[in-house]
Amino acid sequence: MAEIVRGFKTLKKGQIQFGIALAVCITAVIYLVITLRGWPRLLAIIPFAGSLFSLRLFAGYSSGLNLEGRITSIIRELPDDFKAVQDITIERDDFGRPVKINHLLFAPRGIFLIETKHRQGRIISKGDEWHQYWVRDHNIFANPVSEVEAKAAFLREKIKEESHRLMMSEEEVDNLFIQPLIVFSNEEVELKVVAEKVPVFRLDEFEKYIQSFKKKVVLSPEKRDALIPFVLGLNLDA
């Protein structure tokens, strides 16, 4: 069984927020029922409206948490020589944007940087734009391939900067296998995408890919165990 060195925390904060919002909402309803008349009812309107908004917002947290949990379950069932770091935000890139990584899977053959998407419906790639068709909705979003490739390149650059501390030569860093992946975790998704360098999978396809991966480059346990605390040290959300 693979070890989850760091699990999801960001989405779990949403659960706490949901619990608080639910408690406030119930309290406000009880207060409204007790004070059926008069101006005191107005005192409950603001917290009631705010808690309803928070409950609606949590719907996204809840859905994301459940789907991330499915990916985590697959990772956890991998062999003992796999380790995973999840839900981290490392230093800002050249544009000042924080680099968020959903899953970083350290495998015997290298590192998989996994970007998760929870969209449903039909996903079609059209150059720099990807299109989502779901029932009557049509949404356009940026091509995630460029994003995840940039994250992998940024991580490699941070490793290269500290290669002496990690006791890795420049050649070892250059040859370090870091494979970006995109995984759509929703069961109700149909993928019609073209991505040459970055595999794009449904959740069931992702599991098969990881299990059958045969690339020859080997990441030794010693190098892996040095890289994991290094990556955790970059995390801004520790």
Protein backbone atom coordinates (compact mmCIF):
# COMPACT_ATOMS: atom_id res chain seq x y z
CA MET A 1 0.00 0.00 0.00
CA ALA A 2 1.35 3.42 -1.00
CA GLU A 3 2.05 6.03 1.64
CA ILE A 4 0.25 9.39 1.54
CA VAL A 5 2.90 11.64 3.06
CA ARG A 6 0.60 14.66 2.98
CA GLY A 7 -3.11 14.42 2.26
CA PHE A 8 -5.71 16.98 1.25
CA LYS A 9 -6.22 19.85 3.66
CA THR A 10 -7.63 22.67 1.55
CA LEU A 11 -10.89 20.88 0.80
CA LYS A 12 -11.22 19.71 4.40
CA LYS A 13 -11.34 23.35 5.44
CA GLY A 14 -14.50 23.53 3.37
CA GLN A 15 -16.08 20.84 5.57
CA ILE A 16 -15.43 22.94 8.66
CA GLN A 17 -16.86 26.03 6.99
CA PHE A 18 -19.90 24.01 5.96
CA GLY A 19 -20.49 22.84 9.54
CA ILE A 20 -20.32 26.39 10.85
CA ALA A 21 -22.62 27.69 8.10
CA LEU A 22 -25.12 24.87 8.73
CA ALA A 23 -25.16 25.59 12.47
CA VAL A 24 -25.74 29.31 11.86
CA CYS A 25 -28.48 28.53 9.33
CA ILE A 26 -30.33 26.21 11.73
CA THR A 27 -30.00 28.72 14.57
CA ALA A 28 -31.38 31.48 12.34
CA VAL A 29 -34.36 29.33 11.30
CA ILE A 30 -35.15 28.49 14.92
CA TYR A 31 -34.93 32.17 15.82
CA LEU A 32 -37.28 33.07 12.94
CA VAL A 33 -39.80 30.48 14.09
CA ILE A 34 -39.71 31.65 17.71
CA THR A 35 -40.06 35.33 16.81
CA LEU A 36 -42.87 35.05 14.29
CA ARG A 37 -43.64 38.72 14.49
CA GLY A 38 -41.87 41.99 14.99
CA TRP A 39 -38.57 43.55 14.18
CA PRO A 40 -36.42 40.89 15.96
CA ARG A 41 -36.92 38.70 12.89
CA LEU A 42 -34.76 41.13 10.94
CA LEU A 43 -31.81 40.23 13.17
CA ALA A 44 -31.83 36.70 11.75
CA ILE A 45 -32.00 37.67 8.08
CA ILE A 46 -28.33 38.59 7.66
CA PRO A 47 -26.79 35.45 9.22
CA PHE A 48 -29.46 33.33 7.50
CA ALA A 49 -28.64 34.75 4.06
CA GLY A 50 -24.89 34.47 4.71
CA SER A 51 -25.15 30.88 5.83
CA LEU A 52 -27.24 29.95 2.78
CA PHE A 53 -24.54 31.42 0.55
CA SER A 54 -21.89 29.42 2.41
CA LEU A 55 -23.91 26.22 2.06
CA ARG A 56 -24.18 26.75 -1.68
CA LEU A 57 -20.46 27.46 -1.89
CA PHE A 58 -19.69 24.25 -0.02
CA ALA A 59 -21.46 22.20 -2.69
CA GLY A 60 -18.33 22.69 -4.81
CA TYR A 61 -16.05 21.76 -1.91
CA SER A 62 -18.08 18.63 -1.19
CA SER A 63 -18.07 17.46 -4.80
CA GLY A 64 -14.35 18.14 -5.15
CA LEU A 65 -13.57 16.40 -1.88
CA ASN A 66 -15.45 13.26 -2.90
CA LEU A 67 -13.73 13.10 -6.30
CA GLU A 68 -10.27 13.78 -4.86
CA GLY A 69 -11.02 11.02 -2.38
CA ARG A 70 -11.53 8.58 -5.24
CA ILE A 71 -8.12 9.45 -6.70
CA THR A 72 -6.53 9.16 -3.27
CA SER A 73 -8.05 5.68 -2.87
CA ILE A 74 -6.46 4.57 -6.15
CA ILE A 75 -3.08 5.99 -5.15
CA ARG A 76 -3.28 4.35 -1.75
CA GLU A 77 -3.79 0.93 -3.35
CA LEU A 78 -0.51 1.21 -5.30
CA PRO A 79 2.50 -0.86 -4.11
CA ASP A 80 4.62 0.08 -1.11
CA ASP A 81 7.34 1.71 -3.20
CA PHE A 82 4.97 4.55 -4.19
CA LYS A 83 4.61 7.70 -2.09
CA ALA A 84 2.35 10.70 -2.63
CA VAL A 85 2.27 14.35 -1.61
CA GLN A 86 -1.06 16.09 -2.13
CA ASP A 87 -2.58 19.56 -2.12
CA ILE A 88 0.50 21.77 -1.97
CA THR A 89 1.22 25.31 -3.11
CA ILE A 90 4.87 25.95 -3.88
CA GLU A 91 6.57 29.27 -4.54
CA ARG A 92 5.23 31.77 -7.03
CA ASP A 93 6.23 31.52 -10.68
CA ASP A 94 7.74 34.26 -12.87
CA PHE A 95 4.30 35.86 -13.19
CA GLY A 96 3.75 36.01 -9.43
CA ARG A 97 1.16 33.23 -9.44
CA PRO A 98 1.26 30.50 -6.76
CA VAL A 99 1.91 27.07 -8.25
CA LYS A 100 -0.72 24.67 -6.91
CA ILE A 101 -0.17 20.94 -7.26
CA ASN A 102 -3.03 18.48 -6.65
CA HIS A 103 -1.04 15.24 -6.50
CA LEU A 104 2.67 14.53 -6.71
CA LEU A 105 3.22 10.79 -6.99
CA PHE A 106 6.76 9.48 -6.38
CA ALA A 107 7.06 6.16 -8.20
CA PRO A 108 9.99 3.78 -8.79
CA ARG A 109 10.20 5.06 -12.37
CA GLY A 110 9.97 8.77 -11.62
CA ILE A 111 7.55 11.45 -10.55
CA PHE A 112 3.99 11.97 -11.77
CA LEU A 113 2.57 15.48 -11.39
CA ILE A 114 -1.18 14.99 -11.51
CA GLU A 115 -3.63 17.78 -12.27
CA THR A 116 -7.20 16.81 -11.43
CA LYS A 117 -10.29 18.16 -13.17
CA HIS A 118 -13.82 17.48 -11.96
CA ARG A 119 -15.75 18.60 -15.03
CA GLN A 120 -18.48 16.42 -16.47
CA GLY A 121 -20.09 16.07 -19.87
CA ARG A 122 -18.23 16.05 -23.17
CA ILE A 123 -14.78 17.66 -23.19
CA ILE A 124 -13.38 18.62 -26.60
CA SER A 125 -9.97 20.18 -27.21
CA LYS A 126 -9.70 22.93 -29.82
CA GLY A 127 -6.18 24.35 -29.68
CA ASP A 128 -5.72 26.72 -26.75
CA GLU A 129 -9.37 26.38 -25.80
CA TRP A 130 -11.14 23.36 -24.41
CA HIS A 131 -14.91 23.10 -24.56
CA GLN A 132 -17.29 21.49 -22.10
CA TYR A 133 -20.75 20.44 -23.26
CA TRP A 134 -23.11 19.37 -20.50
CA VAL A 135 -26.88 19.18 -21.06
CA ARG A 136 -27.63 22.65 -22.46
CA ASP A 137 -24.50 24.32 -21.10
CA HIS A 138 -21.41 25.13 -23.15
CA ASN A 139 -18.35 26.34 -21.24
CA ILE A 140 -14.95 27.30 -22.61
CA PHE A 141 -11.84 26.95 -20.45
CA ALA A 142 -8.12 27.32 -21.01
CA ASN A 143 -6.13 24.36 -22.29
CA PRO A 144 -4.91 22.68 -19.06
CA VAL A 145 -1.99 20.98 -20.85
CA SER A 146 0.08 24.17 -20.96
CA GLU A 147 -0.65 24.78 -17.28
CA VAL A 148 0.43 21.36 -16.06
CA GLU A 149 3.53 21.37 -18.30
CA ALA A 150 4.53 24.71 -16.77
CA LYS A 151 4.10 23.28 -13.26
CA ALA A 152 6.36 20.33 -14.06
CA ALA A 153 9.01 22.63 -15.56
CA PHE A 154 8.81 24.93 -12.54
CA LEU A 155 9.25 22.02 -10.13
CA ARG A 156 12.27 20.76 -12.07
CA GLU A 157 13.80 24.26 -11.94
CA LYS A 158 13.36 24.42 -8.16
CA ILE A 159 15.05 21.01 -7.83
CA LYS A 160 17.90 22.17 -10.06
CA GLU A 161 18.43 25.28 -7.91
CA GLU A 162 18.95 23.07 -4.85
CA SER A 163 20.62 20.13 -6.60
CA HIS A 164 23.78 20.45 -4.48
CA ARG A 165 21.75 20.10 -1.28
CA LEU A 166 19.93 17.12 -2.74
CA MET A 167 23.27 15.63 -3.82
CA MET A 168 22.14 15.46 -7.44
CA SER A 169 24.20 16.42 -10.45
CA GLU A 170 22.76 18.67 -13.16
CA GLU A 171 22.64 15.66 -15.42
CA GLU A 172 20.62 13.73 -12.85
CA VAL A 173 18.16 16.61 -12.54
CA ASP A 174 17.86 16.92 -16.32
CA ASN A 175 17.23 13.19 -16.57
CA LEU A 176 14.82 13.14 -13.64
CA PHE A 177 11.54 11.86 -15.01
CA ILE A 178 8.69 14.24 -14.15
CA GLN A 179 5.57 13.32 -16.10
CA PRO A 180 2.62 15.72 -15.98
CA LEU A 181 -0.80 14.09 -16.21
CA ILE A 182 -4.37 15.35 -16.37
CA VAL A 183 -7.06 13.20 -14.79
CA PHE A 184 -10.79 13.86 -15.14
CA SER A 185 -12.28 12.22 -12.08
CA ASN A 186 -16.00 12.60 -12.78
CA GLU A 187 -17.64 9.42 -14.05
CA GLU A 188 -19.94 11.46 -16.29
CA VAL A 189 -17.21 12.72 -18.59
CA GLU A 190 -16.44 11.92 -22.21
CA LEU A 191 -13.01 12.95 -23.47
CA LYS A 192 -12.31 13.94 -27.06
CA VAL A 193 -8.99 15.67 -26.59
CA VAL A 194 -5.64 15.73 -28.35
CA ALA A 195 -2.53 16.20 -26.18
CA GLU A 196 0.76 14.84 -27.51
CA LYS A 197 3.10 15.15 -24.51
CA VAL A 198 0.66 15.11 -21.60
CA PRO A 199 -1.57 12.08 -21.12
CA VAL A 200 -5.20 12.96 -20.40
CA PHE A 201 -7.25 10.25 -18.71
CA ARG A 202 -10.50 9.34 -17.13
CA LEU A 203 -10.07 8.00 -13.62
CA ASP A 204 -10.26 4.33 -14.60
CA GLU A 205 -7.69 4.85 -17.37
CA PHE A 206 -5.33 6.63 -14.97
CA GLU A 207 -5.11 3.60 -12.69
CA LYS A 208 -4.21 1.30 -15.59
CA TYR A 209 -1.58 3.73 -16.86
CA ILE A 210 0.22 4.01 -13.51
CA GLN A 211 0.17 0.25 -12.92
CA SER A 212 1.50 -0.59 -16.40
CA PHE A 213 4.10 2.19 -16.69
CA LYS A 214 7.42 0.65 -17.80
CA LYS A 215 9.77 3.59 -18.43
CA LYS A 216 13.36 2.56 -17.75
CA VAL A 217 14.46 5.62 -15.78
CA VAL A 218 14.65 4.62 -12.14
CA LEU A 219 14.14 6.92 -9.15
CA SER A 220 16.06 5.31 -6.30
CA PRO A 221 14.43 5.16 -2.85
CA GLU A 222 17.26 7.35 -1.52
CA LYS A 223 16.64 10.10 -4.09
CA ARG A 224 12.89 9.82 -3.57
CA ASP A 225 13.20 10.12 0.20
CA ALA A 226 15.39 13.22 -0.24
CA LEU A 227 13.00 14.86 -2.73
CA ILE A 228 9.84 14.45 -0.65
CA PRO A 229 10.91 16.62 2.34
CA PHE A 230 12.42 19.08 -0.13
CA VAL A 231 9.07 19.48 -1.89
CA LEU A 232 7.25 19.74 1.44
CA GLY A 233 9.68 22.48 2.40
CA LEU A 234 8.56 24.48 -0.66
CA ASN A 235 4.92 24.29 0.40
CA LEU A 236 3.42 27.66 1.33
CA ASP A 237 0.38 26.05 2.97
CA ALA A 238 2.26 23.95 5.50
